């Protein structure tokens, strides 16, 4: 596979800063704003956004981690025994404005599963979606409220959002699957 860096660390951090400002603009003085990262890479992205929002505004942001493993519609295709790491949402989501954070939106199925998992915990006032990359090819009618970068892809291409906490580097890479 050939890898091509689409966003280097500097550009990725600048993009996350812009997204933080967009959230602030849409949630001024918001006491019910919460960021919930979809495990795995959505969690560190939500952490960066939290730091930025608190640095750029007077808003304090609650954060949580959402494990959607048991809500996936392709669960039986993934593994016989799925690895469930558990959600960590240390606050009541009822009445909160939740911004779900994920790395890439592709078919929309991950987001559907995340919304199901969230609603299983309570009824938020609103759910919004922030993604680092929108690569197209939706199978469900789901759109992100906040998008870092639109990268139209073919189905033979793959987008990787890499984060320091997991991958040792912050960057977005596109690669082509071997045919």
N, C-alpha and C. Protein backbone atom coordinates (compact mmCIF):
# COMPACT_ATOMS: atom_id res chain seq x y z
N UNK A 1 0.83 -1.19 0.00
CA UNK A 1 0.00 0.00 0.00
C UNK A 1 0.87 1.25 0.00
N UNK A 2 0.54 2.16 -0.86
CA UNK A 2 1.21 3.46 -0.86
C UNK A 2 0.48 4.38 0.10
N UNK A 3 1.23 5.04 0.98
CA UNK A 3 0.65 5.99 1.92
C UNK A 3 0.99 7.41 1.49
N UNK A 4 -0.01 8.29 1.56
CA UNK A 4 0.21 9.70 1.27
C UNK A 4 -0.38 10.51 2.42
N UNK A 5 0.46 11.35 3.03
CA UNK A 5 0.00 12.18 4.14
C UNK A 5 -0.87 13.30 3.58
N UNK A 6 -2.12 13.35 4.03
CA UNK A 6 -3.07 14.38 3.62
C UNK A 6 -3.00 15.57 4.57
N UNK A 7 -2.91 15.28 5.87
CA UNK A 7 -2.76 16.32 6.90
C UNK A 7 -1.58 15.94 7.77
N UNK A 8 -0.58 16.81 7.83
CA UNK A 8 0.52 16.57 8.76
C UNK A 8 0.08 17.04 10.15
N UNK A 9 0.94 16.87 11.14
CA UNK A 9 0.56 17.21 12.52
C UNK A 9 0.16 18.67 12.67
N UNK A 10 0.93 19.55 12.09
CA UNK A 10 0.64 20.99 12.22
C UNK A 10 -0.73 21.33 11.62
N UNK A 11 -1.00 20.81 10.44
CA UNK A 11 -2.27 21.08 9.78
C UNK A 11 -3.42 20.41 10.53
N UNK A 12 -3.18 19.23 11.06
CA UNK A 12 -4.22 18.53 11.83
C UNK A 12 -4.57 19.32 13.09
N UNK A 13 -3.56 19.84 13.80
CA UNK A 13 -3.82 20.61 15.01
C UNK A 13 -4.54 21.94 14.68
N UNK A 14 -4.18 22.54 13.57
CA UNK A 14 -4.85 23.77 13.13
C UNK A 14 -6.31 23.47 12.78
N UNK A 15 -6.56 22.33 12.16
CA UNK A 15 -7.92 21.92 11.83
C UNK A 15 -8.73 21.68 13.09
N UNK A 16 -8.15 21.02 14.08
CA UNK A 16 -8.85 20.79 15.35
C UNK A 16 -9.11 22.11 16.08
N UNK A 17 -8.21 23.08 15.96
CA UNK A 17 -8.45 24.40 16.54
C UNK A 17 -9.65 25.07 15.87
N UNK A 18 -9.71 24.97 14.53
CA UNK A 18 -10.85 25.55 13.80
C UNK A 18 -12.16 24.89 14.23
N UNK A 19 -12.14 23.56 14.34
CA UNK A 19 -13.35 22.85 14.76
C UNK A 19 -13.76 23.26 16.17
N UNK A 20 -12.79 23.49 17.04
CA UNK A 20 -13.08 23.94 18.40
C UNK A 20 -13.79 25.28 18.37
N UNK A 21 -13.32 26.20 17.53
CA UNK A 21 -13.96 27.50 17.39
C UNK A 21 -15.37 27.38 16.83
N UNK A 22 -15.59 26.44 15.91
CA UNK A 22 -16.93 26.23 15.37
C UNK A 22 -17.88 25.75 16.46
N UNK A 23 -17.41 24.85 17.31
CA UNK A 23 -18.25 24.37 18.41
C UNK A 23 -18.59 25.52 19.35
N UNK A 24 -17.59 26.34 19.69
CA UNK A 24 -17.82 27.49 20.56
C UNK A 24 -18.85 28.43 19.94
N UNK A 25 -18.71 28.67 18.65
CA UNK A 25 -19.63 29.57 17.95
C UNK A 25 -21.08 29.06 18.02
N UNK A 26 -21.25 27.75 17.93
CA UNK A 26 -22.59 27.18 17.97
C UNK A 26 -23.10 26.91 19.38
N UNK A 27 -22.23 27.01 20.37
CA UNK A 27 -22.61 26.74 21.76
C UNK A 27 -22.04 27.83 22.69
N UNK A 28 -22.37 29.10 22.49
CA UNK A 28 -21.81 30.14 23.36
C UNK A 28 -22.34 29.99 24.79
N UNK A 29 -21.46 30.11 25.76
CA UNK A 29 -21.85 30.00 27.17
C UNK A 29 -22.69 28.76 27.45
N UNK A 30 -22.32 27.69 26.86
CA UNK A 30 -23.09 26.45 26.94
C UNK A 30 -22.71 25.64 28.17
N UNK A 31 -23.63 25.53 29.10
CA UNK A 31 -23.34 24.77 30.33
C UNK A 31 -23.65 23.29 30.16
N UNK A 32 -24.30 22.91 29.05
CA UNK A 32 -24.66 21.51 28.87
C UNK A 32 -23.85 20.83 27.76
N UNK A 33 -22.80 21.49 27.29
CA UNK A 33 -21.99 20.93 26.20
C UNK A 33 -21.11 19.79 26.71
N UNK A 34 -21.17 18.66 26.01
CA UNK A 34 -20.36 17.50 26.34
C UNK A 34 -19.77 16.93 25.06
N UNK A 35 -18.53 16.47 25.14
CA UNK A 35 -17.88 15.79 24.03
C UNK A 35 -17.79 14.31 24.37
N UNK A 36 -18.22 13.46 23.45
CA UNK A 36 -18.13 12.03 23.66
C UNK A 36 -17.37 11.43 22.49
N UNK A 37 -16.18 10.93 22.77
CA UNK A 37 -15.36 10.32 21.73
C UNK A 37 -15.75 8.88 21.51
N UNK A 38 -15.87 8.50 20.23
CA UNK A 38 -16.15 7.10 19.89
C UNK A 38 -14.82 6.37 19.91
N UNK A 39 -14.76 5.30 20.72
CA UNK A 39 -13.51 4.55 20.83
C UNK A 39 -13.15 3.96 19.49
N UNK A 40 -11.99 4.05 19.08
CA UNK A 40 -10.74 4.34 19.72
C UNK A 40 -10.28 5.77 19.43
N UNK A 41 -10.14 6.13 18.18
CA UNK A 41 -9.47 7.40 17.89
C UNK A 41 -10.31 8.64 18.14
N UNK A 42 -11.61 8.48 18.31
CA UNK A 42 -12.44 9.62 18.66
C UNK A 42 -12.16 10.15 20.05
N UNK A 43 -11.67 9.27 20.92
CA UNK A 43 -11.40 9.66 22.32
C UNK A 43 -10.26 10.68 22.42
N UNK A 44 -9.08 10.41 21.85
CA UNK A 44 -8.03 11.43 21.94
C UNK A 44 -8.37 12.71 21.17
N UNK A 45 -9.12 12.59 20.08
CA UNK A 45 -9.55 13.79 19.35
C UNK A 45 -10.47 14.64 20.24
N UNK A 46 -11.38 13.99 20.96
CA UNK A 46 -12.26 14.71 21.89
C UNK A 46 -11.45 15.39 22.99
N UNK A 47 -10.38 14.75 23.44
CA UNK A 47 -9.51 15.36 24.46
C UNK A 47 -8.84 16.63 23.96
N UNK A 48 -8.38 16.61 22.72
CA UNK A 48 -7.75 17.81 22.13
C UNK A 48 -8.79 18.92 21.99
N UNK A 49 -9.99 18.56 21.52
CA UNK A 49 -11.05 19.55 21.37
C UNK A 49 -11.43 20.16 22.71
N UNK A 50 -11.52 19.34 23.76
CA UNK A 50 -11.84 19.83 25.10
C UNK A 50 -10.81 20.87 25.55
N UNK A 51 -9.52 20.52 25.40
CA UNK A 51 -8.46 21.46 25.78
C UNK A 51 -8.58 22.77 25.02
N UNK A 52 -8.80 22.68 23.72
CA UNK A 52 -8.93 23.88 22.88
C UNK A 52 -10.13 24.72 23.30
N UNK A 53 -11.28 24.09 23.46
CA UNK A 53 -12.50 24.84 23.80
C UNK A 53 -12.32 25.55 25.13
N UNK A 54 -11.74 24.87 26.11
CA UNK A 54 -11.54 25.49 27.41
C UNK A 54 -10.49 26.60 27.35
N UNK A 55 -9.52 26.47 26.44
CA UNK A 55 -8.49 27.51 26.28
C UNK A 55 -9.07 28.74 25.58
N UNK A 56 -9.93 28.53 24.59
CA UNK A 56 -10.45 29.63 23.77
C UNK A 56 -11.72 30.25 24.30
N UNK A 57 -12.33 29.69 25.37
CA UNK A 57 -13.61 30.20 25.85
C UNK A 57 -13.71 30.02 27.36
N UNK A 58 -14.86 30.39 27.88
CA UNK A 58 -15.15 30.19 29.30
C UNK A 58 -15.98 28.93 29.53
N UNK A 59 -16.10 28.11 28.49
CA UNK A 59 -16.93 26.91 28.58
C UNK A 59 -16.13 25.76 29.19
N UNK A 60 -16.71 25.14 30.22
CA UNK A 60 -16.12 23.91 30.75
C UNK A 60 -16.81 22.75 30.07
N UNK A 61 -16.02 21.81 29.60
CA UNK A 61 -16.57 20.73 28.79
C UNK A 61 -16.40 19.38 29.49
N UNK A 62 -17.50 18.67 29.63
CA UNK A 62 -17.45 17.30 30.12
C UNK A 62 -17.10 16.40 28.94
N UNK A 63 -16.32 15.34 29.21
CA UNK A 63 -15.98 14.41 28.13
C UNK A 63 -16.25 12.98 28.58
N UNK A 64 -16.51 12.16 27.58
CA UNK A 64 -16.73 10.75 27.83
C UNK A 64 -16.21 9.91 26.69
N UNK A 65 -16.19 8.60 26.91
CA UNK A 65 -15.71 7.64 25.92
C UNK A 65 -16.83 6.64 25.65
N UNK A 66 -17.13 6.42 24.38
CA UNK A 66 -18.22 5.54 24.01
C UNK A 66 -17.69 4.32 23.26
N UNK A 67 -17.99 3.15 23.80
CA UNK A 67 -17.64 1.88 23.14
C UNK A 67 -18.91 1.39 22.45
N UNK A 68 -18.87 1.28 21.12
CA UNK A 68 -20.06 0.89 20.36
C UNK A 68 -20.02 -0.57 19.92
N UNK A 69 -19.07 -1.33 20.41
CA UNK A 69 -18.86 -2.70 19.94
C UNK A 69 -20.15 -3.51 19.88
N UNK A 70 -20.92 -3.50 20.94
CA UNK A 70 -22.12 -4.34 21.00
C UNK A 70 -23.29 -3.76 20.22
N UNK A 71 -23.14 -2.55 19.68
CA UNK A 71 -24.21 -1.92 18.91
C UNK A 71 -23.97 -1.99 17.40
N UNK A 72 -22.85 -2.57 17.00
CA UNK A 72 -22.51 -2.64 15.57
C UNK A 72 -23.42 -3.63 14.86
N UNK A 73 -23.80 -3.30 13.62
CA UNK A 73 -24.64 -4.24 12.85
C UNK A 73 -23.80 -5.27 12.11
N UNK A 74 -22.46 -5.13 12.18
CA UNK A 74 -21.57 -6.10 11.55
C UNK A 74 -20.79 -6.91 12.60
N UNK A 75 -21.33 -6.99 13.79
CA UNK A 75 -20.65 -7.62 14.91
C UNK A 75 -20.23 -9.06 14.61
N UNK A 76 -21.10 -9.83 13.99
CA UNK A 76 -20.76 -11.22 13.71
C UNK A 76 -19.71 -11.35 12.62
N UNK A 77 -19.56 -10.33 11.79
CA UNK A 77 -18.54 -10.35 10.74
C UNK A 77 -17.16 -10.00 11.30
N UNK A 78 -17.12 -9.26 12.41
CA UNK A 78 -15.85 -8.76 12.95
C UNK A 78 -15.08 -9.82 13.73
N UNK A 79 -15.79 -10.54 14.62
CA UNK A 79 -15.10 -11.53 15.46
C UNK A 79 -16.12 -12.40 16.17
N UNK A 80 -15.69 -13.60 16.55
CA UNK A 80 -16.58 -14.47 17.32
C UNK A 80 -16.80 -13.91 18.72
N UNK A 81 -15.74 -13.45 19.34
CA UNK A 81 -15.82 -12.86 20.66
C UNK A 81 -15.32 -11.42 20.59
N UNK A 82 -16.23 -10.45 20.47
CA UNK A 82 -15.79 -9.06 20.34
C UNK A 82 -15.10 -8.57 21.60
N UNK A 83 -14.10 -7.73 21.42
CA UNK A 83 -13.39 -7.13 22.54
C UNK A 83 -14.16 -5.88 22.96
N UNK A 84 -14.73 -5.91 24.14
CA UNK A 84 -15.52 -4.79 24.64
C UNK A 84 -14.70 -4.09 25.72
N UNK A 85 -14.38 -2.83 25.47
CA UNK A 85 -13.57 -2.11 26.45
C UNK A 85 -14.42 -1.23 27.36
N UNK A 86 -15.69 -1.08 27.03
CA UNK A 86 -16.59 -0.35 27.90
C UNK A 86 -16.61 1.15 27.67
N UNK A 87 -17.78 1.72 27.86
CA UNK A 87 -17.95 3.16 27.77
C UNK A 87 -17.62 3.78 29.11
N UNK A 88 -17.08 4.98 29.07
CA UNK A 88 -16.79 5.73 30.29
C UNK A 88 -17.42 7.11 30.11
N UNK A 89 -18.62 7.25 30.64
CA UNK A 89 -19.32 8.53 30.57
C UNK A 89 -19.71 8.89 32.00
N UNK A 90 -18.85 9.67 32.67
CA UNK A 90 -19.03 9.92 34.10
C UNK A 90 -20.02 11.05 34.42
N UNK A 91 -21.04 11.20 33.59
CA UNK A 91 -22.06 12.22 33.82
C UNK A 91 -23.37 11.73 33.21
N UNK A 92 -24.47 12.31 33.68
CA UNK A 92 -25.79 11.98 33.17
C UNK A 92 -25.96 12.72 31.84
N UNK A 93 -26.28 12.00 30.76
CA UNK A 93 -26.38 12.65 29.45
C UNK A 93 -27.76 13.27 29.21
N UNK A 94 -28.73 12.99 30.09
CA UNK A 94 -30.08 13.55 29.90
C UNK A 94 -30.02 15.07 29.89
N UNK A 95 -30.61 15.65 28.83
CA UNK A 95 -30.68 17.10 28.72
C UNK A 95 -29.39 17.76 28.25
N UNK A 96 -28.37 16.98 27.95
CA UNK A 96 -27.08 17.53 27.52
C UNK A 96 -27.04 17.68 26.00
N UNK A 97 -26.20 18.60 25.55
CA UNK A 97 -25.90 18.75 24.13
C UNK A 97 -24.61 17.98 23.87
N UNK A 98 -24.75 16.84 23.23
CA UNK A 98 -23.63 15.94 23.02
C UNK A 98 -23.04 16.15 21.63
N UNK A 99 -21.73 16.33 21.58
CA UNK A 99 -21.02 16.31 20.31
C UNK A 99 -20.26 14.98 20.27
N UNK A 100 -20.73 14.07 19.41
CA UNK A 100 -20.03 12.81 19.18
C UNK A 100 -18.80 13.10 18.35
N UNK A 101 -17.66 12.54 18.72
CA UNK A 101 -16.41 12.79 18.01
C UNK A 101 -15.88 11.47 17.45
N UNK A 102 -15.61 11.46 16.13
CA UNK A 102 -15.06 10.28 15.50
C UNK A 102 -13.98 10.69 14.52
N UNK A 103 -13.16 9.73 14.12
CA UNK A 103 -12.06 10.06 13.22
C UNK A 103 -12.52 10.18 11.77
N UNK A 104 -13.23 9.18 11.25
CA UNK A 104 -13.63 9.16 9.85
C UNK A 104 -15.10 8.76 9.75
N UNK A 105 -15.85 9.45 8.90
CA UNK A 105 -17.19 8.98 8.58
C UNK A 105 -17.14 8.43 7.16
N UNK A 106 -17.68 7.22 7.02
CA UNK A 106 -17.65 6.52 5.75
C UNK A 106 -19.09 6.11 5.42
N UNK A 107 -19.54 4.96 5.86
CA UNK A 107 -20.89 4.49 5.53
C UNK A 107 -21.96 5.12 6.42
N UNK A 108 -21.58 5.55 7.62
CA UNK A 108 -22.53 6.10 8.59
C UNK A 108 -22.97 5.08 9.63
N UNK A 109 -22.55 3.84 9.45
CA UNK A 109 -23.00 2.78 10.36
C UNK A 109 -22.40 2.91 11.77
N UNK A 110 -21.17 3.37 11.86
CA UNK A 110 -20.57 3.58 13.18
C UNK A 110 -21.34 4.65 13.95
N UNK A 111 -21.70 5.72 13.27
CA UNK A 111 -22.43 6.81 13.92
C UNK A 111 -23.81 6.34 14.35
N UNK A 112 -24.48 5.55 13.51
CA UNK A 112 -25.79 5.00 13.89
C UNK A 112 -25.66 4.17 15.17
N UNK A 113 -24.63 3.34 15.23
CA UNK A 113 -24.41 2.52 16.42
C UNK A 113 -24.11 3.40 17.64
N UNK A 114 -23.35 4.46 17.44
CA UNK A 114 -23.01 5.37 18.54
C UNK A 114 -24.26 6.08 19.07
N UNK A 115 -25.13 6.51 18.18
CA UNK A 115 -26.36 7.16 18.62
C UNK A 115 -27.24 6.19 19.40
N UNK A 116 -27.32 4.95 18.95
CA UNK A 116 -28.07 3.93 19.66
C UNK A 116 -27.50 3.71 21.06
N UNK A 117 -26.18 3.60 21.15
CA UNK A 117 -25.51 3.40 22.44
C UNK A 117 -25.77 4.58 23.37
N UNK A 118 -25.68 5.79 22.84
CA UNK A 118 -25.91 6.99 23.66
C UNK A 118 -27.34 7.03 24.18
N UNK A 119 -28.29 6.82 23.29
CA UNK A 119 -29.69 6.89 23.67
C UNK A 119 -30.03 5.80 24.68
N UNK A 120 -29.28 4.71 24.65
CA UNK A 120 -29.44 3.66 25.66
C UNK A 120 -29.05 4.14 27.06
N UNK A 121 -28.28 5.21 27.13
CA UNK A 121 -27.83 5.76 28.42
C UNK A 121 -28.75 6.87 28.93
N UNK A 122 -29.63 7.37 28.10
CA UNK A 122 -30.51 8.47 28.47
C UNK A 122 -30.85 9.28 27.24
N UNK A 123 -31.66 10.31 27.44
CA UNK A 123 -32.09 11.12 26.30
C UNK A 123 -31.41 12.49 26.34
N UNK A 124 -30.38 12.67 25.48
CA UNK A 124 -29.74 13.98 25.43
C UNK A 124 -30.67 15.00 24.77
N UNK A 125 -30.43 16.28 25.01
CA UNK A 125 -31.21 17.34 24.36
C UNK A 125 -30.94 17.34 22.87
N UNK A 126 -29.67 17.11 22.51
CA UNK A 126 -29.26 17.15 21.11
C UNK A 126 -28.01 16.29 20.94
N UNK A 127 -27.89 15.68 19.78
CA UNK A 127 -26.66 14.97 19.42
C UNK A 127 -26.16 15.58 18.13
N UNK A 128 -24.91 16.02 18.14
CA UNK A 128 -24.24 16.52 16.94
C UNK A 128 -23.07 15.60 16.65
N UNK A 129 -22.53 15.70 15.45
CA UNK A 129 -21.42 14.84 15.05
C UNK A 129 -20.27 15.68 14.53
N UNK A 130 -19.07 15.38 15.03
CA UNK A 130 -17.83 15.98 14.55
C UNK A 130 -16.94 14.85 14.07
N UNK A 131 -16.43 15.00 12.84
CA UNK A 131 -15.49 14.02 12.30
C UNK A 131 -14.26 14.75 11.76
N UNK A 132 -13.14 14.11 11.91
CA UNK A 132 -11.90 14.67 11.36
C UNK A 132 -11.94 14.61 9.84
N UNK A 133 -12.44 13.49 9.29
CA UNK A 133 -12.48 13.30 7.83
C UNK A 133 -13.83 12.73 7.41
N UNK A 134 -14.41 13.33 6.38
CA UNK A 134 -15.59 12.78 5.71
C UNK A 134 -15.12 12.28 4.36
N UNK A 135 -15.18 10.97 4.15
CA UNK A 135 -14.68 10.40 2.90
C UNK A 135 -15.77 10.02 1.92
N UNK A 136 -17.04 10.28 2.28
CA UNK A 136 -18.14 9.96 1.38
C UNK A 136 -18.57 8.51 1.48
N UNK A 137 -19.37 8.07 0.51
CA UNK A 137 -19.85 6.68 0.40
C UNK A 137 -20.86 6.31 1.48
N UNK A 138 -21.74 7.23 1.87
CA UNK A 138 -22.71 6.96 2.92
C UNK A 138 -23.70 5.88 2.50
N UNK A 139 -24.02 5.00 3.42
CA UNK A 139 -25.06 3.99 3.24
C UNK A 139 -26.31 4.34 4.05
N UNK A 140 -26.16 5.27 4.99
CA UNK A 140 -27.26 5.73 5.82
C UNK A 140 -27.35 7.26 5.72
N UNK A 141 -28.53 7.83 5.91
CA UNK A 141 -28.68 9.28 5.78
C UNK A 141 -28.16 10.03 7.00
N UNK A 142 -26.84 10.04 7.15
CA UNK A 142 -26.18 10.66 8.30
C UNK A 142 -25.14 11.65 7.78
N UNK A 143 -25.14 12.85 8.34
CA UNK A 143 -24.17 13.87 7.95
C UNK A 143 -23.56 14.48 9.21
N UNK A 144 -22.30 14.87 9.12
CA UNK A 144 -21.61 15.49 10.25
C UNK A 144 -21.95 16.97 10.33
N UNK A 145 -22.07 17.47 11.56
CA UNK A 145 -22.26 18.90 11.79
C UNK A 145 -20.95 19.66 11.65
N UNK A 146 -19.86 19.01 12.01
CA UNK A 146 -18.52 19.62 11.96
C UNK A 146 -17.59 18.65 11.25
N UNK A 147 -16.91 19.14 10.22
CA UNK A 147 -16.01 18.29 9.42
C UNK A 147 -14.65 18.95 9.33
N UNK A 148 -13.61 18.20 9.71
CA UNK A 148 -12.25 18.71 9.59
C UNK A 148 -11.85 18.86 8.13
N UNK A 149 -12.04 17.79 7.36
CA UNK A 149 -11.67 17.82 5.94
C UNK A 149 -12.53 16.81 5.19
N UNK A 150 -13.05 17.26 4.05
CA UNK A 150 -13.73 16.35 3.12
C UNK A 150 -12.68 15.79 2.18
N UNK A 151 -12.58 14.48 2.13
CA UNK A 151 -11.62 13.82 1.24
C UNK A 151 -12.38 12.78 0.44
N UNK A 152 -12.86 13.15 -0.75
CA UNK A 152 -13.56 12.16 -1.57
C UNK A 152 -12.60 11.01 -1.90
N UNK A 153 -13.08 9.80 -1.74
CA UNK A 153 -12.24 8.63 -1.96
C UNK A 153 -12.95 7.64 -2.87
N UNK A 154 -12.18 6.72 -3.39
CA UNK A 154 -12.77 5.56 -4.05
C UNK A 154 -12.88 4.48 -2.98
N UNK A 155 -13.65 3.45 -3.27
CA UNK A 155 -13.80 2.37 -2.29
C UNK A 155 -12.52 1.56 -2.13
N UNK A 156 -11.58 1.72 -3.05
CA UNK A 156 -10.31 1.00 -2.93
C UNK A 156 -9.28 1.78 -2.11
N UNK A 157 -9.66 2.96 -1.67
CA UNK A 157 -8.76 3.77 -0.83
C UNK A 157 -9.18 3.65 0.63
N UNK A 158 -8.24 3.96 1.49
CA UNK A 158 -8.45 3.85 2.92
C UNK A 158 -7.90 5.11 3.58
N UNK A 159 -8.64 5.69 4.51
CA UNK A 159 -8.20 6.87 5.26
C UNK A 159 -7.83 6.44 6.68
N UNK A 160 -6.66 6.84 7.13
CA UNK A 160 -6.23 6.57 8.51
C UNK A 160 -5.99 7.90 9.21
N UNK A 161 -6.73 8.13 10.29
CA UNK A 161 -6.44 9.26 11.16
C UNK A 161 -5.59 8.69 12.28
N UNK A 162 -4.37 9.15 12.34
CA UNK A 162 -3.43 8.64 13.35
C UNK A 162 -3.31 9.67 14.47
N UNK A 163 -3.32 9.17 15.70
CA UNK A 163 -3.20 10.05 16.87
C UNK A 163 -2.06 9.57 17.74
N UNK A 164 -1.37 10.53 18.37
CA UNK A 164 -0.18 10.21 19.16
C UNK A 164 -0.42 9.15 20.22
N UNK A 165 -1.56 9.25 20.92
CA UNK A 165 -1.85 8.33 22.02
C UNK A 165 -1.90 6.87 21.57
N UNK A 166 -2.27 6.64 20.34
CA UNK A 166 -2.41 5.27 19.83
C UNK A 166 -1.33 4.92 18.82
N UNK A 167 -1.04 5.86 17.90
CA UNK A 167 -0.16 5.58 16.77
C UNK A 167 1.22 6.23 16.85
N UNK A 168 1.41 7.09 17.86
CA UNK A 168 2.71 7.75 18.02
C UNK A 168 2.89 9.00 17.18
N UNK A 169 1.88 9.35 16.37
CA UNK A 169 1.97 10.53 15.50
C UNK A 169 0.56 11.05 15.23
N UNK A 170 0.45 12.37 15.05
CA UNK A 170 -0.81 12.99 14.65
C UNK A 170 -0.73 13.30 13.16
N UNK A 171 -1.56 12.61 12.36
CA UNK A 171 -1.59 12.87 10.93
C UNK A 171 -2.77 12.13 10.31
N UNK A 172 -3.11 12.52 9.10
CA UNK A 172 -4.13 11.82 8.32
C UNK A 172 -3.47 11.32 7.06
N UNK A 173 -3.67 10.02 6.79
CA UNK A 173 -3.00 9.36 5.67
C UNK A 173 -4.05 8.69 4.78
N UNK A 174 -3.83 8.76 3.49
CA UNK A 174 -4.67 8.02 2.54
C UNK A 174 -3.80 6.95 1.90
N UNK A 175 -4.37 5.78 1.74
CA UNK A 175 -3.64 4.69 1.10
C UNK A 175 -4.60 3.94 0.18
N UNK A 176 -4.04 3.23 -0.74
CA UNK A 176 -4.83 2.44 -1.69
C UNK A 176 -4.68 0.98 -1.31
N UNK A 177 -5.81 0.31 -1.21
CA UNK A 177 -5.78 -1.12 -0.92
C UNK A 177 -5.24 -1.85 -2.13
N UNK A 178 -4.40 -2.85 -1.89
CA UNK A 178 -3.90 -3.68 -2.99
C UNK A 178 -5.07 -4.45 -3.59
N UNK A 179 -5.12 -4.48 -4.90
CA UNK A 179 -6.26 -5.11 -5.56
C UNK A 179 -6.00 -6.53 -5.90
